[in-house]
């Protein structure tokens, strides 16, 4: 079983997304965060669950799609490190 680690950047992304959603509905923001955290926890059992990030083409750099967001993570040894959350409409990598 892999260890799931949220990077500080990913946690900041999550907080910013929750703040944005909570402008309209704090309850929806809480549900979104809970479901996203649950999705991240699935990486403990299935670290290769997501697809390889097309822009990187490294088999250890992967992403899961969660709603409109790309949950980008790196597999390092027995850990899945969630690096960032990027809205699918945003340019990535940033130019």
PDB file of N, CA and C in Angstrom:
ATOM      1  N   UNK A   1       0.846  -1.174   0.000  1.00  0.00           N
ATOM      2  CA  UNK A   1       0.000   0.000   0.000  1.00  0.00           C
ATOM      3  C   UNK A   1       0.897   1.244   0.000  1.00  0.00           C
ATOM      4  N   UNK A   2       0.573   2.174  -0.868  1.00  0.00           N
ATOM      5  CA  UNK A   2       1.353   3.411  -0.981  1.00  0.00           C
ATOM      6  C   UNK A   2       0.894   4.426   0.062  1.00  0.00           C
ATOM      7  N   UNK A   3       1.806   5.299   0.403  1.00  0.00           N
ATOM      8  CA  UNK A   3       1.477   6.412   1.282  1.00  0.00           C
ATOM      9  C   UNK A   3       1.092   7.594   0.401  1.00  0.00           C
ATOM     10  N   UNK A   4       0.002   8.263   0.733  1.00  0.00           N
ATOM     11  CA  UNK A   4      -0.439   9.431  -0.021  1.00  0.00           C
ATOM     12  C   UNK A   4       0.000  10.680   0.727  1.00  0.00           C
ATOM     13  N   UNK A   5       0.747  11.535   0.029  1.00  0.00           N
ATOM     14  CA  UNK A   5       1.274  12.761   0.629  1.00  0.00           C
ATOM     15  C   UNK A   5       0.765  13.947  -0.184  1.00  0.00           C
ATOM     16  N   UNK A   6       0.158  14.905   0.493  1.00  0.00           N
ATOM     17  CA  UNK A   6      -0.293  16.140  -0.160  1.00  0.00           C
ATOM     18  C   UNK A   6       0.797  17.191   0.003  1.00  0.00           C
ATOM     19  N   UNK A   7       1.309  17.705  -1.101  1.00  0.00           N
ATOM     20  CA  UNK A   7       2.326  18.754  -1.025  1.00  0.00           C
ATOM     21  C   UNK A   7       1.689  20.045  -0.513  1.00  0.00           C
ATOM     22  N   UNK A   8       2.496  20.944   0.033  1.00  0.00           N
ATOM     23  CA  UNK A   8       1.953  22.243   0.449  1.00  0.00           C
ATOM     24  C   UNK A   8       1.271  22.988  -0.702  1.00  0.00           C
ATOM     25  N   UNK A   9       1.826  22.900  -1.913  1.00  0.00           N
ATOM     26  CA  UNK A   9       1.205  23.557  -3.075  1.00  0.00           C
ATOM     27  C   UNK A   9      -0.174  22.980  -3.369  1.00  0.00           C
ATOM     28  N   UNK A  10      -0.286  21.651  -3.293  1.00  0.00           N
ATOM     29  CA  UNK A  10      -1.580  21.007  -3.556  1.00  0.00           C
ATOM     30  C   UNK A  10      -2.610  21.406  -2.495  1.00  0.00           C
ATOM     31  N   UNK A  11      -2.167  21.506  -1.247  1.00  0.00           N
ATOM     32  CA  UNK A  11      -3.095  21.923  -0.188  1.00  0.00           C
ATOM     33  C   UNK A  11      -3.532  23.379  -0.376  1.00  0.00           C
ATOM     34  N   UNK A  12      -2.623  24.216  -0.847  1.00  0.00           N
ATOM     35  CA  UNK A  12      -2.996  25.606  -1.158  1.00  0.00           C
ATOM     36  C   UNK A  12      -3.998  25.646  -2.312  1.00  0.00           C
ATOM     37  N   UNK A  13      -3.769  24.817  -3.326  1.00  0.00           N
ATOM     38  CA  UNK A  13      -4.709  24.735  -4.450  1.00  0.00           C
ATOM     39  C   UNK A  13      -6.089  24.312  -3.948  1.00  0.00           C
ATOM     40  N   UNK A  14      -6.113  23.297  -3.088  1.00  0.00           N
ATOM     41  CA  UNK A  14      -7.377  22.795  -2.555  1.00  0.00           C
ATOM     42  C   UNK A  14      -8.102  23.883  -1.765  1.00  0.00           C
ATOM     43  N   UNK A  15      -7.360  24.616  -0.958  1.00  0.00           N
ATOM     44  CA  UNK A  15      -7.964  25.699  -0.172  1.00  0.00           C
ATOM     45  C   UNK A  15      -8.530  26.793  -1.085  1.00  0.00           C
ATOM     46  N   UNK A  16      -7.797  27.147  -2.133  1.00  0.00           N
ATOM     47  CA  UNK A  16      -8.265  28.177  -3.066  1.00  0.00           C
ATOM     48  C   UNK A  16      -9.529  27.723  -3.795  1.00  0.00           C
ATOM     49  N   UNK A  17      -9.572  26.459  -4.182  1.00  0.00           N
ATOM     50  CA  UNK A  17     -10.762  25.924  -4.854  1.00  0.00           C
ATOM     51  C   UNK A  17     -11.945  25.945  -3.898  1.00  0.00           C
ATOM     52  N   UNK A  18     -11.722  25.507  -2.671  1.00  0.00           N
ATOM     53  CA  UNK A  18     -12.798  25.494  -1.671  1.00  0.00           C
ATOM     54  C   UNK A  18     -13.296  26.912  -1.400  1.00  0.00           C
ATOM     55  N   UNK A  19     -12.391  27.875  -1.302  1.00  0.00           N
ATOM     56  CA  UNK A  19     -12.797  29.268  -1.083  1.00  0.00           C
ATOM     57  C   UNK A  19     -13.655  29.769  -2.237  1.00  0.00           C
ATOM     58  N   UNK A  20     -13.260  29.425  -3.447  1.00  0.00           N
ATOM     59  CA  UNK A  20     -14.007  29.859  -4.626  1.00  0.00           C
ATOM     60  C   UNK A  20     -15.413  29.254  -4.632  1.00  0.00           C
ATOM     61  N   UNK A  21     -15.514  27.959  -4.386  1.00  0.00           N
ATOM     62  CA  UNK A  21     -16.823  27.293  -4.381  1.00  0.00           C
ATOM     63  C   UNK A  21     -17.687  27.813  -3.242  1.00  0.00           C
ATOM     64  N   UNK A  22     -17.076  28.092  -2.102  1.00  0.00           N
ATOM     65  CA  UNK A  22     -17.849  28.511  -0.928  1.00  0.00           C
ATOM     66  C   UNK A  22     -18.475  29.895  -1.083  1.00  0.00           C
ATOM     67  N   UNK A  23     -18.015  30.664  -2.072  1.00  0.00           N
ATOM     68  CA  UNK A  23     -18.666  31.957  -2.327  1.00  0.00           C
ATOM     69  C   UNK A  23     -20.140  31.762  -2.673  1.00  0.00           C
ATOM     70  N   UNK A  24     -20.422  30.671  -3.379  1.00  0.00           N
ATOM     71  CA  UNK A  24     -21.803  30.351  -3.745  1.00  0.00           C
ATOM     72  C   UNK A  24     -22.461  29.405  -2.749  1.00  0.00           C
ATOM     73  N   UNK A  25     -21.672  28.437  -2.246  1.00  0.00           N
ATOM     74  CA  UNK A  25     -22.262  27.439  -1.363  1.00  0.00           C
ATOM     75  C   UNK A  25     -21.190  26.807  -0.473  1.00  0.00           C
ATOM     76  N   UNK A  26     -21.134  27.217   0.789  1.00  0.00           N
ATOM     77  CA  UNK A  26     -20.177  26.587   1.699  1.00  0.00           C
ATOM     78  C   UNK A  26     -20.400  25.082   1.835  1.00  0.00           C
ATOM     79  N   UNK A  27     -21.659  24.654   1.782  1.00  0.00           N
ATOM     80  CA  UNK A  27     -21.948  23.222   1.900  1.00  0.00           C
ATOM     81  C   UNK A  27     -21.378  22.449   0.710  1.00  0.00           C
ATOM     82  N   UNK A  28     -21.531  22.997  -0.489  1.00  0.00           N
ATOM     83  CA  UNK A  28     -20.976  22.340  -1.680  1.00  0.00           C
ATOM     84  C   UNK A  28     -19.458  22.310  -1.640  1.00  0.00           C
ATOM     85  N   UNK A  29     -18.868  23.353  -1.125  1.00  0.00           N
ATOM     86  CA  UNK A  29     -17.409  23.390  -1.006  1.00  0.00           C
ATOM     87  C   UNK A  29     -16.929  22.273  -0.082  1.00  0.00           C
ATOM     88  N   UNK A  30     -17.617  22.081   1.036  1.00  0.00           N
ATOM     89  CA  UNK A  30     -17.240  21.029   1.981  1.00  0.00           C
ATOM     90  C   UNK A  30     -17.376  19.643   1.351  1.00  0.00           C
ATOM     91  N   UNK A  31     -18.452  19.427   0.611  1.00  0.00           N
ATOM     92  CA  UNK A  31     -18.649  18.135  -0.066  1.00  0.00           C
ATOM     93  C   UNK A  31     -17.555  17.921  -1.107  1.00  0.00           C
ATOM     94  N   UNK A  32     -17.252  18.962  -1.877  1.00  0.00           N
ATOM     95  CA  UNK A  32     -16.209  18.865  -2.897  1.00  0.00           C
ATOM     96  C   UNK A  32     -14.879  18.463  -2.268  1.00  0.00           C
ATOM     97  N   UNK A  33     -14.496  19.146  -1.199  1.00  0.00           N
ATOM     98  CA  UNK A  33     -13.227  18.855  -0.536  1.00  0.00           C
ATOM     99  C   UNK A  33     -13.214  17.423  -0.012  1.00  0.00           C
ATOM    100  N   UNK A  34     -14.292  16.988   0.639  1.00  0.00           N
ATOM    101  CA  UNK A  34     -14.355  15.619   1.173  1.00  0.00           C
ATOM    102  C   UNK A  34     -14.204  14.590   0.056  1.00  0.00           C
ATOM    103  N   UNK A  35     -14.888  14.805  -1.047  1.00  0.00           N
ATOM    104  CA  UNK A  35     -14.817  13.844  -2.158  1.00  0.00           C
ATOM    105  C   UNK A  35     -13.447  13.848  -2.821  1.00  0.00           C
ATOM    106  N   UNK A  36     -12.854  15.010  -2.926  1.00  0.00           N
ATOM    107  CA  UNK A  36     -11.520  15.078  -3.516  1.00  0.00           C
ATOM    108  C   UNK A  36     -10.492  14.394  -2.618  1.00  0.00           C
ATOM    109  N   UNK A  37     -10.596  14.590  -1.319  1.00  0.00           N
ATOM    110  CA  UNK A  37      -9.696  13.905  -0.396  1.00  0.00           C
ATOM    111  C   UNK A  37      -9.886  12.391  -0.473  1.00  0.00           C
ATOM    112  N   UNK A  38     -11.135  11.942  -0.590  1.00  0.00           N
ATOM    113  CA  UNK A  38     -11.407  10.510  -0.753  1.00  0.00           C
ATOM    114  C   UNK A  38     -10.785   9.969  -2.039  1.00  0.00           C
ATOM    115  N   UNK A  39     -10.886  10.739  -3.122  1.00  0.00           N
ATOM    116  CA  UNK A  39     -10.281  10.326  -4.392  1.00  0.00           C
ATOM    117  C   UNK A  39      -8.770  10.201  -4.230  1.00  0.00           C
ATOM    118  N   UNK A  40      -8.167  11.140  -3.522  1.00  0.00           N
ATOM    119  CA  UNK A  40      -6.734  11.062  -3.268  1.00  0.00           C
ATOM    120  C   UNK A  40      -6.359   9.844  -2.452  1.00  0.00           C
ATOM    121  N   UNK A  41      -7.204   9.481  -1.502  1.00  0.00           N
ATOM    122  CA  UNK A  41      -6.941   8.310  -0.662  1.00  0.00           C
ATOM    123  C   UNK A  41      -6.930   7.009  -1.469  1.00  0.00           C
ATOM    124  N   UNK A  42      -7.651   6.976  -2.595  1.00  0.00           N
ATOM    125  CA  UNK A  42      -7.657   5.766  -3.435  1.00  0.00           C
ATOM    126  C   UNK A  42      -6.270   5.462  -3.984  1.00  0.00           C
ATOM    127  N   UNK A  43      -5.428   6.489  -4.060  1.00  0.00           N
ATOM    128  CA  UNK A  43      -4.074   6.264  -4.561  1.00  0.00           C
ATOM    129  C   UNK A  43      -3.261   5.376  -3.625  1.00  0.00           C
ATOM    130  N   UNK A  44      -3.668   5.265  -2.371  1.00  0.00           N
ATOM    131  CA  UNK A  44      -2.961   4.391  -1.440  1.00  0.00           C
ATOM    132  C   UNK A  44      -3.015   2.940  -1.929  1.00  0.00           C
ATOM    133  N   UNK A  45      -4.154   2.521  -2.426  1.00  0.00           N
ATOM    134  CA  UNK A  45      -4.308   1.147  -2.928  1.00  0.00           C
ATOM    135  C   UNK A  45      -3.909   1.020  -4.396  1.00  0.00           C
ATOM    136  N   UNK A  46      -4.153   2.074  -5.165  1.00  0.00           N
ATOM    137  CA  UNK A  46      -3.928   2.022  -6.605  1.00  0.00           C
ATOM    138  C   UNK A  46      -3.131   3.248  -7.068  1.00  0.00           C
ATOM    139  N   UNK A  47      -1.831   3.313  -6.748  1.00  0.00           N
ATOM    140  CA  UNK A  47      -1.069   4.517  -7.086  1.00  0.00           C
ATOM    141  C   UNK A  47      -0.954   4.773  -8.589  1.00  0.00           C
ATOM    142  N   UNK A  48      -1.120   3.770  -9.403  1.00  0.00           N
ATOM    143  CA  UNK A  48      -1.052   3.953 -10.856  1.00  0.00           C
ATOM    144  C   UNK A  48      -2.444   4.081 -11.469  1.00  0.00           C
ATOM    145  N   UNK A  49      -3.398   4.472 -10.636  1.00  0.00           N
ATOM    146  CA  UNK A  49      -4.788   4.636 -11.053  1.00  0.00           C
ATOM    147  C   UNK A  49      -4.928   5.663 -12.175  1.00  0.00           C
ATOM    148  N   UNK A  50      -4.260   6.764 -12.054  1.00  0.00           N
ATOM    149  CA  UNK A  50      -4.383   7.837 -13.035  1.00  0.00           C
ATOM    150  C   UNK A  50      -3.557   7.575 -14.279  1.00  0.00           C
ATOM    151  N   UNK A  51      -3.795   8.398 -15.285  1.00  0.00           N
ATOM    152  CA  UNK A  51      -3.044   8.272 -16.536  1.00  0.00           C
ATOM    153  C   UNK A  51      -1.732   9.060 -16.425  1.00  0.00           C
ATOM    154  N   UNK A  52      -0.808   8.729 -17.302  1.00  0.00           N
ATOM    155  CA  UNK A  52       0.437   9.488 -17.388  1.00  0.00           C
ATOM    156  C   UNK A  52       0.088  10.897 -17.865  1.00  0.00           C
ATOM    157  N   UNK A  53       0.689  11.909 -17.253  1.00  0.00           N
ATOM    158  CA  UNK A  53       0.436  13.296 -17.658  1.00  0.00           C
ATOM    159  C   UNK A  53       0.991  13.475 -19.070  1.00  0.00           C
ATOM    160  N   UNK A  54       0.118  13.771 -20.045  1.00  0.00           N
ATOM    161  CA  UNK A  54       0.563  13.817 -21.441  1.00  0.00           C
ATOM    162  C   UNK A  54       1.689  14.813 -21.704  1.00  0.00           C
ATOM    163  N   UNK A  55       1.694  15.936 -21.011  1.00  0.00           N
ATOM    164  CA  UNK A  55       2.713  16.958 -21.240  1.00  0.00           C
ATOM    165  C   UNK A  55       4.090  16.550 -20.711  1.00  0.00           C
ATOM    166  N   UNK A  56       4.137  15.526 -19.873  1.00  0.00           N
ATOM    167  CA  UNK A  56       5.403  15.120 -19.257  1.00  0.00           C
ATOM    168  C   UNK A  56       5.900  13.787 -19.821  1.00  0.00           C
ATOM    169  N   UNK A  57       5.003  12.847 -20.054  1.00  0.00           N
ATOM    170  CA  UNK A  57       5.337  11.514 -20.588  1.00  0.00           C
ATOM    171  C   UNK A  57       6.295  10.723 -19.704  1.00  0.00           C
ATOM    172  N   UNK A  58       6.252  10.962 -18.414  1.00  0.00           N
ATOM    173  CA  UNK A  58       7.032  10.182 -17.447  1.00  0.00           C
ATOM    174  C   UNK A  58       6.051   9.225 -16.777  1.00  0.00           C
ATOM    175  N   UNK A  59       6.315   7.915 -16.783  1.00  0.00           N
ATOM    176  CA  UNK A  59       5.357   6.965 -16.205  1.00  0.00           C
ATOM    177  C   UNK A  59       5.091   7.161 -14.718  1.00  0.00           C
ATOM    178  N   UNK A  60       5.945   7.918 -14.032  1.00  0.00           N
ATOM    179  CA  UNK A  60       5.723   8.186 -12.611  1.00  0.00           C
ATOM    180  C   UNK A  60       5.035   9.519 -12.355  1.00  0.00           C
ATOM    181  N   UNK A  61       4.814  10.301 -13.381  1.00  0.00           N
ATOM    182  CA  UNK A  61       4.075  11.566 -13.267  1.00  0.00           C
ATOM    183  C   UNK A  61       2.679  11.308 -13.812  1.00  0.00           C
ATOM    184  N   UNK A  62       1.706  11.310 -12.933  1.00  0.00           N
ATOM    185  CA  UNK A  62       0.370  10.864 -13.306  1.00  0.00           C
ATOM    186  C   UNK A  62      -0.679  11.882 -12.881  1.00  0.00           C
ATOM    187  N   UNK A  63      -1.891  11.689 -13.381  1.00  0.00           N
ATOM    188  CA  UNK A  63      -3.000  12.567 -13.005  1.00  0.00           C
ATOM    189  C   UNK A  63      -4.299  11.784 -12.972  1.00  0.00           C
ATOM    190  N   UNK A  64      -5.158  12.195 -12.054  1.00  0.00           N
ATOM    191  CA  UNK A  64      -6.535  11.726 -12.010  1.00  0.00           C
ATOM    192  C   UNK A  64      -7.390  12.922 -12.380  1.00  0.00           C
ATOM    193  N   UNK A  65      -8.463  12.678 -13.079  1.00  0.00           N
ATOM    194  CA  UNK A  65      -9.406  13.742 -13.377  1.00  0.00           C
ATOM    195  C   UNK A  65     -10.502  13.672 -12.324  1.00  0.00           C
ATOM    196  N   UNK A  66     -10.735  14.807 -11.670  1.00  0.00           N
ATOM    197  CA  UNK A  66     -11.792  14.892 -10.658  1.00  0.00           C
ATOM    198  C   UNK A  66     -12.643  16.102 -11.002  1.00  0.00           C
ATOM    199  N   UNK A  67     -13.813  15.853 -11.550  1.00  0.00           N
ATOM    200  CA  UNK A  67     -14.663  16.958 -11.997  1.00  0.00           C
ATOM    201  C   UNK A  67     -13.928  17.728 -13.077  1.00  0.00           C
ATOM    202  N   UNK A  68     -13.773  19.020 -12.874  1.00  0.00           N
ATOM    203  CA  UNK A  68     -13.086  19.873 -13.844  1.00  0.00           C
ATOM    204  C   UNK A  68     -11.598  20.013 -13.527  1.00  0.00           C
ATOM    205  N   UNK A  69     -11.082  19.245 -12.578  1.00  0.00           N
ATOM    206  CA  UNK A  69      -9.712  19.419 -12.103  1.00  0.00           C
ATOM    207  C   UNK A  69      -8.822  18.234 -12.437  1.00  0.00           C
ATOM    208  N   UNK A  70      -7.576  18.559 -12.679  1.00  0.00           N
ATOM    209  CA  UNK A  70      -6.530  17.564 -12.864  1.00  0.00           C
ATOM    210  C   UNK A  70      -5.778  17.452 -11.534  1.00  0.00           C
ATOM    211  N   UNK A  71      -5.814  16.279 -10.931  1.00  0.00           N
ATOM    212  CA  UNK A  71      -5.091  16.019  -9.692  1.00  0.00           C
ATOM    213  C   UNK A  71      -3.763  15.399 -10.113  1.00  0.00           C
ATOM    214  N   UNK A  72      -2.713  16.188 -10.084  1.00  0.00           N
ATOM    215  CA  UNK A  72      -1.406  15.757 -10.586  1.00  0.00           C
ATOM    216  C   UNK A  72      -0.562  15.238  -9.435  1.00  0.00           C
ATOM    217  N   UNK A  73       0.033  14.064  -9.666  1.00  0.00           N
ATOM    218  CA  UNK A  73       0.834  13.459  -8.607  1.00  0.00           C
ATOM    219  C   UNK A  73       2.034  12.731  -9.183  1.00  0.00           C
ATOM    220  N   UNK A  74       2.984  12.491  -8.309  1.00  0.00           N
ATOM    221  CA  UNK A  74       4.237  11.820  -8.671  1.00  0.00           C
ATOM    222  C   UNK A  74       4.346  10.563  -7.821  1.00  0.00           C
ATOM    223  N   UNK A  75       4.714   9.461  -8.444  1.00  0.00           N
ATOM    224  CA  UNK A  75       4.972   8.231  -7.705  1.00  0.00           C
ATOM    225  C   UNK A  75       6.465   8.181  -7.409  1.00  0.00           C
ATOM    226  N   UNK A  76       6.786   8.103  -6.124  1.00  0.00           N
ATOM    227  CA  UNK A  76       8.183   8.010  -5.692  1.00  0.00           C
ATOM    228  C   UNK A  76       8.283   6.890  -4.664  1.00  0.00           C
ATOM    229  N   UNK A  77       8.890   5.797  -5.061  1.00  0.00           N
ATOM    230  CA  UNK A  77       9.009   4.641  -4.172  1.00  0.00           C
ATOM    231  C   UNK A  77       7.629   4.131  -3.792  1.00  0.00           C
ATOM    232  N   UNK A  78       7.350   4.094  -2.493  1.00  0.00           N
ATOM    233  CA  UNK A  78       6.040   3.625  -2.036  1.00  0.00           C
ATOM    234  C   UNK A  78       5.114   4.788  -1.674  1.00  0.00           C
ATOM    235  N   UNK A  79       5.343   5.945  -2.283  1.00  0.00           N
ATOM    236  CA  UNK A  79       4.516   7.123  -2.004  1.00  0.00           C
ATOM    237  C   UNK A  79       3.930   7.696  -3.286  1.00  0.00           C
ATOM    238  N   UNK A  80       2.711   8.199  -3.166  1.00  0.00           N
ATOM    239  CA  UNK A  80       2.064   8.978  -4.225  1.00  0.00           C
ATOM    240  C   UNK A  80       1.981  10.408  -3.680  1.00  0.00           C
ATOM    241  N   UNK A  81       2.739  11.301  -4.277  1.00  0.00           N
ATOM    242  CA  UNK A  81       2.822  12.676  -3.794  1.00  0.00           C
ATOM    243  C   UNK A  81       1.956  13.555  -4.684  1.00  0.00           C
ATOM    244  N   UNK A  82       0.864  14.053  -4.129  1.00  0.00           N
ATOM    245  CA  UNK A  82      -0.031  14.927  -4.883  1.00  0.00           C
ATOM    246  C   UNK A  82       0.623  16.297  -4.935  1.00  0.00           C
ATOM    247  N   UNK A  83       0.949  16.713  -6.152  1.00  0.00           N
ATOM    248  CA  UNK A  83       1.738  17.927  -6.345  1.00  0.00           C
ATOM    249  C   UNK A  83       0.887  19.159  -6.578  1.00  0.00           C
ATOM    250  N   UNK A  84      -0.207  19.015  -7.348  1.00  0.00           N
ATOM    251  CA  UNK A  84      -1.023  20.196  -7.645  1.00  0.00           C
ATOM    252  C   UNK A  84      -2.391  19.793  -8.157  1.00  0.00           C
ATOM    253  N   UNK A  85      -3.298  20.755  -8.061  1.00  0.00           N
ATOM    254  CA  UNK A  85      -4.651  20.638  -8.599  1.00  0.00           C
ATOM    255  C   UNK A  85      -4.796  21.757  -9.616  1.00  0.00           C
ATOM    256  N   UNK A  86      -5.111  21.396 -10.846  1.00  0.00           N
ATOM    257  CA  UNK A  86      -5.181  22.383 -11.918  1.00  0.00           C
ATOM    258  C   UNK A  86      -6.536  22.270 -12.597  1.00  0.00           C
ATOM    259  N   UNK A  87      -7.222  23.391 -12.749  1.00  0.00           N
ATOM    260  CA  UNK A  87      -8.487  23.387 -13.477  1.00  0.00           C
ATOM    261  C   UNK A  87      -8.205  23.001 -14.919  1.00  0.00           C
ATOM    262  N   UNK A  88      -9.024  22.140 -15.473  1.00  0.00           N
ATOM    263  CA  UNK A  88      -8.824  21.640 -16.827  1.00  0.00           C
ATOM    264  C   UNK A  88      -8.828  22.708 -17.892  1.00  0.00           C
ATOM    265  N   UNK A  89      -9.441  23.851 -17.634  1.00  0.00           N
ATOM    266  CA  UNK A  89      -9.487  24.932 -18.622  1.00  0.00           C
ATOM    267  C   UNK A  89      -8.217  25.788 -18.616  1.00  0.00           C
ATOM    268  N   UNK A  90      -7.356  25.581 -17.624  1.00  0.00           N
ATOM    269  CA  UNK A  90      -6.130  26.379 -17.521  1.00  0.00           C
ATOM    270  C   UNK A  90      -5.026  25.783 -18.370  1.00  0.00           C
ATOM    271  N   UNK A  91      -4.185  26.637 -18.870  1.00  0.00           N
ATOM    272  CA  UNK A  91      -2.986  26.219 -19.610  1.00  0.00           C
ATOM    273  C   UNK A  91      -2.018  25.567 -18.636  1.00  0.00           C
ATOM    274  N   UNK A  92      -1.560  24.376 -18.978  1.00  0.00           N
ATOM    275  CA  UNK A  92      -0.552  23.716 -18.151  1.00  0.00           C
ATOM    276  C   UNK A  92       0.434  23.014 -19.064  1.00  0.00           C
ATOM    277  N   UNK A  93       1.711  23.143 -18.853  1.00  0.00           N
ATOM    278  CA  UNK A  93       2.302  24.012 -17.844  1.00  0.00           C
ATOM    279  C   UNK A  93       2.119  25.473 -18.214  1.00  0.00           C
ATOM    280  N   UNK A  94       2.109  26.329 -17.217  1.00  0.00           N
ATOM    281  CA  UNK A  94       1.923  27.758 -17.506  1.00  0.00           C
ATOM    282  C   UNK A  94       3.044  28.271 -18.405  1.00  0.00           C
ATOM    283  N   UNK A  95       2.690  29.162 -19.294  1.00  0.00           N
ATOM    284  CA  UNK A  95       3.706  29.738 -20.196  1.00  0.00           C
ATOM    285  C   UNK A  95       4.242  31.029 -19.636  1.00  0.00           C
TER     286      UNK A  95
END
